[in-house]
Amino acid sequence: MSCNWRVSHLCYLLFLIIFLTACVNTRKTTYFNDLGDTHIDAPGAAVPLIHKNDLLSISVSSTNAEASKLFNDPNLLSTTTSTANGTAQQMVGYLVTEDGRFKFPELGFIKAEGLTVKQLGEYITQKLKDKELLVDPIVTIRFLNFRVTVLGEVAHPTVVTVPNERISVLEAIGLAGDLTIYGKRDNVLLIREENSGKLIKRINLNSKDILSSPYFYLQSNDVLYVEANRNKVASVSNGRQLIPIIFSALSLVTTIVWLSFYKN
């Protein structure tokens, strides 16, 4: 058996080891494997309810701008941030406390927990009319802390702030840079806060059913966690095991090549 034959077979074996460790099931890295040309009725986004610790922007306008200013001032807080024009203004808003209320000028404490922003806006509007504080007031309320968190096997784990209070699972994952090839697309974990505790739901992104699921649209403070699949665990484990083997094989090949030249 010649040295050249040994060298060629050892090189072939080394290449085969590296190739096999790089193999990945590409079917598991794609979304909606069972989706063909069809029409799916998309679920409507759930109307978010106000919860404890929510931060609300409440804007009041009327025909009397000076009188309306009283109700808008608490939305602003002077900060020490320096800008080209001087001191910056940071939106702070009204904080819903642990008892589900917040204090509003002239109206005192208002119960907000469990209401939608529309319901709360209608309530404040009516109170301002009843007390004759403003004529034809217009009340606009928005969440300042509507956000979702995406963690795990994504390109850029992040906290996404949602200004329009509407975001889908796919949008959140896209803003996090998409799942890596090692992310479990058939078992994404959704953690949602509820008044009675936390809701835990598993989402399968390989199935078209997610497009019509009530969990397709996320709610404020939702957390998405993408677990790593077996390929990553195996690749990390195999990589640690194969590194010394590869170096040993390279050392052996080098030795055999050196000996073949030495004998010749």
C-alpha atoms as a PDB file:
ATOM      1  CA  MET A   1       0.000   0.000   0.000  1.00  0.00           C
ATOM      2  CA  SER A   2       1.658   3.212  -1.183  1.00  0.00           C
ATOM      3  CA  CYS A   3       1.921   6.392   0.813  1.00  0.00           C
ATOM      4  CA  ASN A   4       0.086   8.334  -1.915  1.00  0.00           C
ATOM      5  CA  TRP A   5      -2.889   6.000  -1.588  1.00  0.00           C
ATOM      6  CA  ARG A   6      -2.985   6.586   2.163  1.00  0.00           C
ATOM      7  CA  VAL A   7      -2.768  10.318   1.745  1.00  0.00           C
ATOM      8  CA  SER A   8      -5.610  10.457  -0.779  1.00  0.00           C
ATOM      9  CA  HIS A   9      -7.911   8.298   1.359  1.00  0.00           C
ATOM     10  CA  LEU A  10      -7.178  10.239   4.513  1.00  0.00           C
ATOM     11  CA  CYS A  11      -7.974  13.480   2.712  1.00  0.00           C
ATOM     12  CA  TYR A  12     -11.211  11.972   1.425  1.00  0.00           C
ATOM     13  CA  LEU A  13     -12.174  10.846   4.937  1.00  0.00           C
ATOM     14  CA  LEU A  14     -11.431  14.301   6.349  1.00  0.00           C
ATOM     15  CA  PHE A  15     -13.598  15.966   3.686  1.00  0.00           C
ATOM     16  CA  LEU A  16     -16.455  13.532   4.365  1.00  0.00           C
ATOM     17  CA  ILE A  17     -16.419  14.268   8.099  1.00  0.00           C
ATOM     18  CA  ILE A  18     -16.592  18.027   7.516  1.00  0.00           C
ATOM     19  CA  PHE A  19     -19.355  17.659   4.899  1.00  0.00           C
ATOM     20  CA  LEU A  20     -21.584  15.500   7.080  1.00  0.00           C
ATOM     21  CA  THR A  21     -21.369  17.899  10.020  1.00  0.00           C
ATOM     22  CA  ALA A  22     -22.578  20.741   7.786  1.00  0.00           C
ATOM     23  CA  CYS A  23     -25.751  18.994   6.602  1.00  0.00           C
ATOM     24  CA  VAL A  24     -29.018  20.672   7.708  1.00  0.00           C
ATOM     25  CA  ASN A  25     -32.622  19.768   6.952  1.00  0.00           C
ATOM     26  CA  THR A  26     -33.615  22.768   4.811  1.00  0.00           C
ATOM     27  CA  ARG A  27     -37.327  21.920   5.018  1.00  0.00           C
ATOM     28  CA  LYS A  28     -37.305  22.846   8.691  1.00  0.00           C
ATOM     29  CA  THR A  29     -35.855  26.275   7.936  1.00  0.00           C
ATOM     30  CA  THR A  30     -38.769  27.458   5.769  1.00  0.00           C
ATOM     31  CA  TYR A  31     -42.128  28.909   6.808  1.00  0.00           C
ATOM     32  CA  PHE A  32     -45.584  27.561   5.859  1.00  0.00           C
ATOM     33  CA  ASN A  33     -44.535  24.249   4.284  1.00  0.00           C
ATOM     34  CA  ASP A  34     -48.193  23.264   3.829  1.00  0.00           C
ATOM     35  CA  LEU A  35     -49.304  26.544   2.222  1.00  0.00           C
ATOM     36  CA  GLY A  36     -50.412  26.596  -1.428  1.00  0.00           C
ATOM     37  CA  ASP A  37     -52.343  29.108  -3.521  1.00  0.00           C
ATOM     38  CA  THR A  38     -55.399  29.918  -1.420  1.00  0.00           C
ATOM     39  CA  HIS A  39     -57.271  32.627   0.468  1.00  0.00           C
ATOM     40  CA  ILE A  40     -57.189  32.759   4.268  1.00  0.00           C
ATOM     41  CA  ASP A  41     -59.397  35.029   6.341  1.00  0.00           C
ATOM     42  CA  ALA A  42     -56.975  36.878   8.585  1.00  0.00           C
ATOM     43  CA  PRO A  43     -57.958  37.272  12.245  1.00  0.00           C
ATOM     44  CA  GLY A  44     -58.661  40.748  13.503  1.00  0.00           C
ATOM     45  CA  ALA A  45     -56.177  42.257  15.901  1.00  0.00           C
ATOM     46  CA  ALA A  46     -57.404  42.126  19.473  1.00  0.00           C
ATOM     47  CA  VAL A  47     -58.337  45.508  20.889  1.00  0.00           C
ATOM     48  CA  PRO A  48     -55.775  46.137  23.644  1.00  0.00           C
ATOM     49  CA  LEU A  49     -57.059  46.739  27.143  1.00  0.00           C
ATOM     50  CA  ILE A  50     -55.453  49.084  29.621  1.00  0.00           C
ATOM     51  CA  HIS A  51     -53.500  47.336  32.385  1.00  0.00           C
ATOM     52  CA  LYS A  52     -51.640  48.321  35.509  1.00  0.00           C
ATOM     53  CA  ASN A  53     -48.334  50.119  34.837  1.00  0.00           C
ATOM     54  CA  ASP A  54     -49.421  51.182  31.345  1.00  0.00           C
ATOM     55  CA  LEU A  55     -48.256  54.606  30.253  1.00  0.00           C
ATOM     56  CA  LEU A  56     -50.916  56.621  28.415  1.00  0.00           C
ATOM     57  CA  SER A  57     -50.655  59.700  26.276  1.00  0.00           C
ATOM     58  CA  ILE A  58     -53.888  61.694  26.706  1.00  0.00           C
ATOM     59  CA  SER A  59     -54.305  64.666  24.395  1.00  0.00           C
ATOM     60  CA  VAL A  60     -57.219  67.073  24.870  1.00  0.00           C
ATOM     61  CA  SER A  61     -58.223  69.748  22.387  1.00  0.00           C
ATOM     62  CA  SER A  62     -61.136  72.160  22.134  1.00  0.00           C
ATOM     63  CA  THR A  63     -62.107  75.546  20.776  1.00  0.00           C
ATOM     64  CA  ASN A  64     -60.325  77.127  23.774  1.00  0.00           C
ATOM     65  CA  ALA A  65     -56.633  76.232  23.383  1.00  0.00           C
ATOM     66  CA  GLU A  66     -55.642  77.936  26.634  1.00  0.00           C
ATOM     67  CA  ALA A  67     -58.186  75.973  28.670  1.00  0.00           C
ATOM     68  CA  SER A  68     -57.122  72.717  26.991  1.00  0.00           C
ATOM     69  CA  LYS A  69     -53.471  73.296  27.912  1.00  0.00           C
ATOM     70  CA  LEU A  70     -54.219  72.405  31.545  1.00  0.00           C
ATOM     71  CA  PHE A  71     -54.987  68.809  30.561  1.00  0.00           C
ATOM     72  CA  ASN A  72     -52.013  68.394  28.210  1.00  0.00           C
ATOM     73  CA  ASP A  73     -49.228  69.671  30.454  1.00  0.00           C
ATOM     74  CA  PRO A  74     -48.922  66.426  32.472  1.00  0.00           C
ATOM     75  CA  ASN A  75     -47.895  64.655  29.230  1.00  0.00           C
ATOM     76  CA  LEU A  76     -44.656  66.647  29.170  1.00  0.00           C
ATOM     77  CA  LEU A  77     -41.723  66.609  31.531  1.00  0.00           C
ATOM     78  CA  SER A  78     -38.649  68.793  31.159  1.00  0.00           C
ATOM     79  CA  THR A  79     -35.421  66.802  30.985  1.00  0.00           C
ATOM     80  CA  THR A  80     -31.751  67.764  31.090  1.00  0.00           C
ATOM     81  CA  THR A  81     -31.136  66.401  27.602  1.00  0.00           C
ATOM     82  CA  SER A  82     -29.237  69.007  25.598  1.00  0.00           C
ATOM     83  CA  THR A  83     -30.302  69.803  22.046  1.00  0.00           C
ATOM     84  CA  ALA A  84     -29.430  72.470  19.507  1.00  0.00           C
ATOM     85  CA  ASN A  85     -32.529  74.395  20.606  1.00  0.00           C
ATOM     86  CA  GLY A  86     -32.030  73.997  24.330  1.00  0.00           C
ATOM     87  CA  THR A  87     -33.788  71.675  26.785  1.00  0.00           C
ATOM     88  CA  ALA A  88     -35.617  68.709  25.250  1.00  0.00           C
ATOM     89  CA  GLN A  89     -39.157  67.691  26.079  1.00  0.00           C
ATOM     90  CA  GLN A  90     -39.801  64.019  26.740  1.00  0.00           C
ATOM     91  CA  MET A  91     -43.218  62.393  26.509  1.00  0.00           C
ATOM     92  CA  VAL A  92     -44.108  60.936  29.906  1.00  0.00           C
ATOM     93  CA  GLY A  93     -47.864  60.563  29.970  1.00  0.00           C
ATOM     94  CA  TYR A  94     -50.205  59.250  32.639  1.00  0.00           C
ATOM     95  CA  LEU A  95     -49.117  56.138  34.534  1.00  0.00           C
ATOM     96  CA  VAL A  96     -51.799  53.622  35.512  1.00  0.00           C
ATOM     97  CA  THR A  97     -50.942  52.659  39.073  1.00  0.00           C
ATOM     98  CA  GLU A  98     -51.235  49.307  40.831  1.00  0.00           C
ATOM     99  CA  ASP A  99     -54.856  50.034  41.763  1.00  0.00           C
ATOM    100  CA  GLY A 100     -55.703  50.531  38.082  1.00  0.00           C
ATOM    101  CA  ARG A 101     -56.214  54.299  38.306  1.00  0.00           C
ATOM    102  CA  PHE A 102     -54.479  57.525  37.316  1.00  0.00           C
ATOM    103  CA  LYS A 103     -54.994  61.123  38.366  1.00  0.00           C
ATOM    104  CA  PHE A 104     -56.343  63.531  35.756  1.00  0.00           C
ATOM    105  CA  PRO A 105     -56.525  67.341  36.157  1.00  0.00           C
ATOM    106  CA  GLU A 106     -59.884  68.596  37.458  1.00  0.00           C
ATOM    107  CA  LEU A 107     -61.410  65.090  37.308  1.00  0.00           C
ATOM    108  CA  GLY A 108     -59.331  63.438  40.017  1.00  0.00           C
ATOM    109  CA  PHE A 109     -58.646  59.699  40.006  1.00  0.00           C
ATOM    110  CA  ILE A 110     -60.037  57.775  37.031  1.00  0.00           C
ATOM    111  CA  LYS A 111     -60.353  53.990  36.841  1.00  0.00           C
ATOM    112  CA  ALA A 112     -58.684  52.877  33.600  1.00  0.00           C
ATOM    113  CA  GLU A 113     -57.774  49.227  34.048  1.00  0.00           C
ATOM    114  CA  GLY A 114     -59.840  46.897  31.860  1.00  0.00           C
ATOM    115  CA  LEU A 115     -61.012  49.656  29.493  1.00  0.00           C
ATOM    116  CA  THR A 116     -60.001  50.222  25.890  1.00  0.00           C
ATOM    117  CA  VAL A 117     -58.500  53.569  24.969  1.00  0.00           C
ATOM    118  CA  LYS A 118     -61.723  54.351  23.107  1.00  0.00           C
ATOM    119  CA  GLN A 119     -63.867  53.680  26.173  1.00  0.00           C
ATOM    120  CA  LEU A 120     -61.577  55.744  28.366  1.00  0.00           C
ATOM    121  CA  GLY A 121     -61.578  58.598  25.858  1.00  0.00           C
ATOM    122  CA  GLU A 122     -65.367  58.629  25.729  1.00  0.00           C
ATOM    123  CA  TYR A 123     -65.556  58.625  29.545  1.00  0.00           C
ATOM    124  CA  ILE A 124     -63.169  61.597  29.916  1.00  0.00           C
ATOM    125  CA  THR A 125     -64.927  63.499  27.135  1.00  0.00           C
ATOM    126  CA  GLN A 126     -68.285  63.116  28.850  1.00  0.00           C
ATOM    127  CA  LYS A 127     -66.868  64.153  32.238  1.00  0.00           C
ATOM    128  CA  LEU A 128     -65.333  67.311  30.752  1.00  0.00           C
ATOM    129  CA  LYS A 129     -68.708  68.178  29.223  1.00  0.00           C
ATOM    130  CA  ASP A 130     -70.680  67.386  32.372  1.00  0.00           C
ATOM    131  CA  LYS A 131     -68.465  69.671  34.477  1.00  0.00           C
ATOM    132  CA  GLU A 132     -68.509  72.318  31.750  1.00  0.00           C
ATOM    133  CA  LEU A 133     -64.717  72.472  31.749  1.00  0.00           C
ATOM    134  CA  LEU A 134     -64.429  72.521  27.950  1.00  0.00           C
ATOM    135  CA  VAL A 135     -66.732  73.061  24.983  1.00  0.00           C
ATOM    136  CA  ASP A 136     -66.780  70.215  22.452  1.00  0.00           C
ATOM    137  CA  PRO A 137     -63.595  68.558  23.762  1.00  0.00           C
ATOM    138  CA  ILE A 138     -61.746  65.991  21.679  1.00  0.00           C
ATOM    139  CA  VAL A 139     -59.806  63.390  23.677  1.00  0.00           C
ATOM    140  CA  THR A 140     -57.161  61.230  21.998  1.00  0.00           C
ATOM    141  CA  ILE A 141     -55.488  58.427  23.938  1.00  0.00           C
ATOM    142  CA  ARG A 142     -52.543  56.256  22.912  1.00  0.00           C
ATOM    143  CA  PHE A 143     -50.292  53.708  24.603  1.00  0.00           C
ATOM    144  CA  LEU A 144     -46.739  54.923  25.110  1.00  0.00           C
ATOM    145  CA  ASN A 145     -45.436  51.533  26.251  1.00  0.00           C
ATOM    146  CA  PHE A 146     -46.908  49.140  23.653  1.00  0.00           C
ATOM    147  CA  ARG A 147     -43.983  46.822  22.990  1.00  0.00           C
ATOM    148  CA  VAL A 148     -43.116  43.179  22.385  1.00  0.00           C
ATOM    149  CA  THR A 149     -39.913  41.274  23.117  1.00  0.00           C
ATOM    150  CA  VAL A 150     -38.267  38.754  20.773  1.00  0.00           C
ATOM    151  CA  LEU A 151     -35.589  36.470  22.241  1.00  0.00           C
ATOM    152  CA  GLY A 152     -33.673  33.304  21.407  1.00  0.00           C
ATOM    153  CA  GLU A 153     -32.580  32.065  17.988  1.00  0.00           C
ATOM    154  CA  VAL A 154     -33.133  35.278  16.046  1.00  0.00           C
ATOM    155  CA  ALA A 155     -30.550  37.435  14.334  1.00  0.00           C
ATOM    156  CA  HIS A 156     -31.063  40.404  16.662  1.00  0.00           C
ATOM    157  CA  PRO A 157     -32.936  39.754  19.942  1.00  0.00           C
ATOM    158  CA  THR A 158     -34.766  42.977  20.649  1.00  0.00           C
ATOM    159  CA  VAL A 159     -37.609  44.867  22.296  1.00  0.00           C
ATOM    160  CA  VAL A 160     -39.889  46.287  19.592  1.00  0.00           C
ATOM    161  CA  THR A 161     -41.826  49.483  20.331  1.00  0.00           C
ATOM    162  CA  VAL A 162     -45.118  49.535  18.416  1.00  0.00           C
ATOM    163  CA  PRO A 163     -46.431  53.056  17.753  1.00  0.00           C
ATOM    164  CA  ASN A 164     -49.638  51.964  15.979  1.00  0.00           C
ATOM    165  CA  GLU A 165     -50.597  49.355  18.628  1.00  0.00           C
ATOM    166  CA  ARG A 166     -50.801  46.568  16.030  1.00  0.00           C
ATOM    167  CA  ILE A 167     -48.106  44.023  15.193  1.00  0.00           C
ATOM    168  CA  SER A 168     -48.145  40.423  13.986  1.00  0.00           C
ATOM    169  CA  VAL A 169     -45.870  37.538  14.910  1.00  0.00           C
ATOM    170  CA  LEU A 170     -44.204  37.741  11.494  1.00  0.00           C
ATOM    171  CA  GLU A 171     -43.608  41.495  11.767  1.00  0.00           C
ATOM    172  CA  ALA A 172     -42.033  41.109  15.216  1.00  0.00           C
ATOM    173  CA  ILE A 173     -39.744  38.323  14.002  1.00  0.00           C
ATOM    174  CA  GLY A 174     -38.845  40.353  10.915  1.00  0.00           C
ATOM    175  CA  LEU A 175     -37.880  43.354  13.069  1.00  0.00           C
ATOM    176  CA  ALA A 176     -35.645  41.003  15.073  1.00  0.00           C
ATOM    177  CA  GLY A 177     -33.793  40.038  11.892  1.00  0.00           C
ATOM    178  CA  ASP A 178     -35.671  36.743  11.272  1.00  0.00           C
ATOM    179  CA  LEU A 179     -34.998  33.346  12.824  1.00  0.00           C
ATOM    180  CA  THR A 180     -31.586  31.783  12.362  1.00  0.00           C
ATOM    181  CA  ILE A 181     -31.378  28.410  10.584  1.00  0.00           C
ATOM    182  CA  TYR A 182     -31.163  26.846  14.037  1.00  0.00           C
ATOM    183  CA  GLY A 183     -34.462  28.308  15.339  1.00  0.00           C
ATOM    184  CA  LYS A 184     -37.394  25.960  15.975  1.00  0.00           C
ATOM    185  CA  ARG A 185     -40.032  27.280  13.599  1.00  0.00           C
ATOM    186  CA  ASP A 186     -42.584  24.683  14.671  1.00  0.00           C
ATOM    187  CA  ASN A 187     -42.357  25.486  18.385  1.00  0.00           C
ATOM    188  CA  VAL A 188     -42.072  29.246  19.020  1.00  0.00           C
ATOM    189  CA  LEU A 189     -43.029  30.119  22.586  1.00  0.00           C
ATOM    190  CA  LEU A 190     -45.456  32.985  23.240  1.00  0.00           C
ATOM    191  CA  ILE A 191     -45.678  34.376  26.789  1.00  0.00           C
ATOM    192  CA  ARG A 192     -48.558  36.787  27.388  1.00  0.00           C
ATOM    193  CA  GLU A 193     -49.462  38.655  30.562  1.00  0.00           C
ATOM    194  CA  GLU A 194     -53.063  38.380  31.708  1.00  0.00           C
ATOM    195  CA  ASN A 195     -54.855  39.656  34.780  1.00  0.00           C
ATOM    196  CA  SER A 196     -54.966  36.162  36.251  1.00  0.00           C
ATOM    197  CA  GLY A 197     -51.326  35.328  35.448  1.00  0.00           C
ATOM    198  CA  LYS A 198     -49.422  34.394  32.308  1.00  0.00           C
ATOM    199  CA  LEU A 199     -50.636  32.614  29.185  1.00  0.00           C
ATOM    200  CA  ILE A 200     -48.159  30.187  27.562  1.00  0.00           C
ATOM    201  CA  LYS A 201     -48.794  29.250  23.913  1.00  0.00           C
ATOM    202  CA  ARG A 202     -46.760  27.291  21.354  1.00  0.00           C
ATOM    203  CA  ILE A 203     -46.826  28.623  17.773  1.00  0.00           C
ATOM    204  CA  ASN A 204     -46.017  26.579  14.668  1.00  0.00           C
ATOM    205  CA  LEU A 205     -44.642  28.810  11.902  1.00  0.00           C
ATOM    206  CA  ASN A 206     -44.335  25.815   9.570  1.00  0.00           C
ATOM    207  CA  SER A 207     -48.132  25.593   9.426  1.00  0.00           C
ATOM    208  CA  LYS A 208     -50.525  27.867   7.565  1.00  0.00           C
ATOM    209  CA  ASP A 209     -52.844  27.737  10.601  1.00  0.00           C
ATOM    210  CA  ILE A 210     -50.877  30.554  12.234  1.00  0.00           C
ATOM    211  CA  LEU A 211     -52.268  32.962   9.614  1.00  0.00           C
ATOM    212  CA  SER A 212     -55.794  32.466  10.972  1.00  0.00           C
ATOM    213  CA  SER A 213     -54.798  31.975  14.610  1.00  0.00           C
ATOM    214  CA  PRO A 214     -56.007  34.345  17.352  1.00  0.00           C
ATOM    215  CA  TYR A 215     -52.325  34.618  18.317  1.00  0.00           C
ATOM    216  CA  PHE A 216     -51.222  35.925  14.911  1.00  0.00           C
ATOM    217  CA  TYR A 217     -51.434  39.487  16.251  1.00  0.00           C
ATOM    218  CA  LEU A 218     -49.462  40.219  19.397  1.00  0.00           C
ATOM    219  CA  GLN A 219     -50.492  42.244  22.405  1.00  0.00           C
ATOM    220  CA  SER A 220     -48.558  44.704  24.519  1.00  0.00           C
ATOM    221  CA  ASN A 221     -45.760  43.136  26.621  1.00  0.00           C
ATOM    222  CA  ASP A 222     -45.921  39.809  24.734  1.00  0.00           C
ATOM    223  CA  VAL A 223     -42.678  37.828  24.673  1.00  0.00           C
ATOM    224  CA  LEU A 224     -41.652  35.534  21.789  1.00  0.00           C
ATOM    225  CA  TYR A 225     -38.920  33.017  22.555  1.00  0.00           C
ATOM    226  CA  VAL A 226     -37.376  30.937  19.768  1.00  0.00           C
ATOM    227  CA  GLU A 227     -35.698  27.757  20.970  1.00  0.00           C
ATOM    228  CA  ALA A 228     -32.620  26.238  19.320  1.00  0.00           C
ATOM    229  CA  ASN A 229     -33.187  23.009  17.402  1.00  0.00           C
ATOM    230  CA  ARG A 230     -31.184  19.795  17.652  1.00  0.00           C
ATOM    231  CA  ASN A 231     -28.991  20.754  14.707  1.00  0.00           C
ATOM    232  CA  LYS A 232     -27.402  23.590  16.699  1.00  0.00           C
ATOM    233  CA  VAL A 233     -26.947  21.476  19.808  1.00  0.00           C
ATOM    234  CA  ALA A 234     -25.446  18.710  17.684  1.00  0.00           C
ATOM    235  CA  SER A 235     -23.228  21.080  15.705  1.00  0.00           C
ATOM    236  CA  VAL A 236     -21.837  22.666  18.860  1.00  0.00           C
ATOM    237  CA  SER A 237     -21.267  19.264  20.461  1.00  0.00           C
ATOM    238  CA  ASN A 238     -19.846  17.688  17.295  1.00  0.00           C
ATOM    239  CA  GLY A 239     -17.702  20.711  16.627  1.00  0.00           C
ATOM    240  CA  ARG A 240     -16.059  20.441  20.021  1.00  0.00           C
ATOM    241  CA  GLN A 241     -15.490  16.731  19.486  1.00  0.00           C
ATOM    242  CA  LEU A 242     -14.301  17.009  15.865  1.00  0.00           C
ATOM    243  CA  ILE A 243     -11.805  19.828  16.302  1.00  0.00           C
ATOM    244  CA  PRO A 244      -9.149  17.621  17.970  1.00  0.00           C
ATOM    245  CA  ILE A 245      -9.945  14.806  15.510  1.00  0.00           C
ATOM    246  CA  ILE A 246      -9.501  17.112  12.528  1.00  0.00           C
ATOM    247  CA  PHE A 247      -6.217  18.462  13.858  1.00  0.00           C
ATOM    248  CA  SER A 248      -5.011  14.938  14.556  1.00  0.00           C
ATOM    249  CA  ALA A 249      -5.960  13.857  11.027  1.00  0.00           C
ATOM    250  CA  LEU A 250      -4.190  16.864   9.523  1.00  0.00           C
ATOM    251  CA  SER A 251      -1.129  16.101  11.609  1.00  0.00           C
ATOM    252  CA  LEU A 252      -1.207  12.475  10.445  1.00  0.00           C
ATOM    253  CA  VAL A 253      -1.553  13.473   6.797  1.00  0.00           C
ATOM    254  CA  THR A 254       1.347  15.902   7.163  1.00  0.00           C
ATOM    255  CA  THR A 255       3.500  13.200   8.761  1.00  0.00           C
ATOM    256  CA  ILE A 256       2.715  10.648   6.038  1.00  0.00           C
ATOM    257  CA  VAL A 257       3.420  13.182   3.281  1.00  0.00           C
ATOM    258  CA  TRP A 258       6.712  14.118   4.937  1.00  0.00           C
ATOM    259  CA  LEU A 259       7.739  10.469   5.285  1.00  0.00           C
ATOM    260  CA  SER A 260       6.849   9.725   1.658  1.00  0.00           C
ATOM    261  CA  PHE A 261       9.106  12.521   0.453  1.00  0.00           C
ATOM    262  CA  TYR A 262      11.836  11.502   2.921  1.00  0.00           C
ATOM    263  CA  LYS A 263      11.878   7.899   1.634  1.00  0.00           C
ATOM    264  CA  ASN A 264      11.934   9.022  -1.965  1.00  0.00           C
END
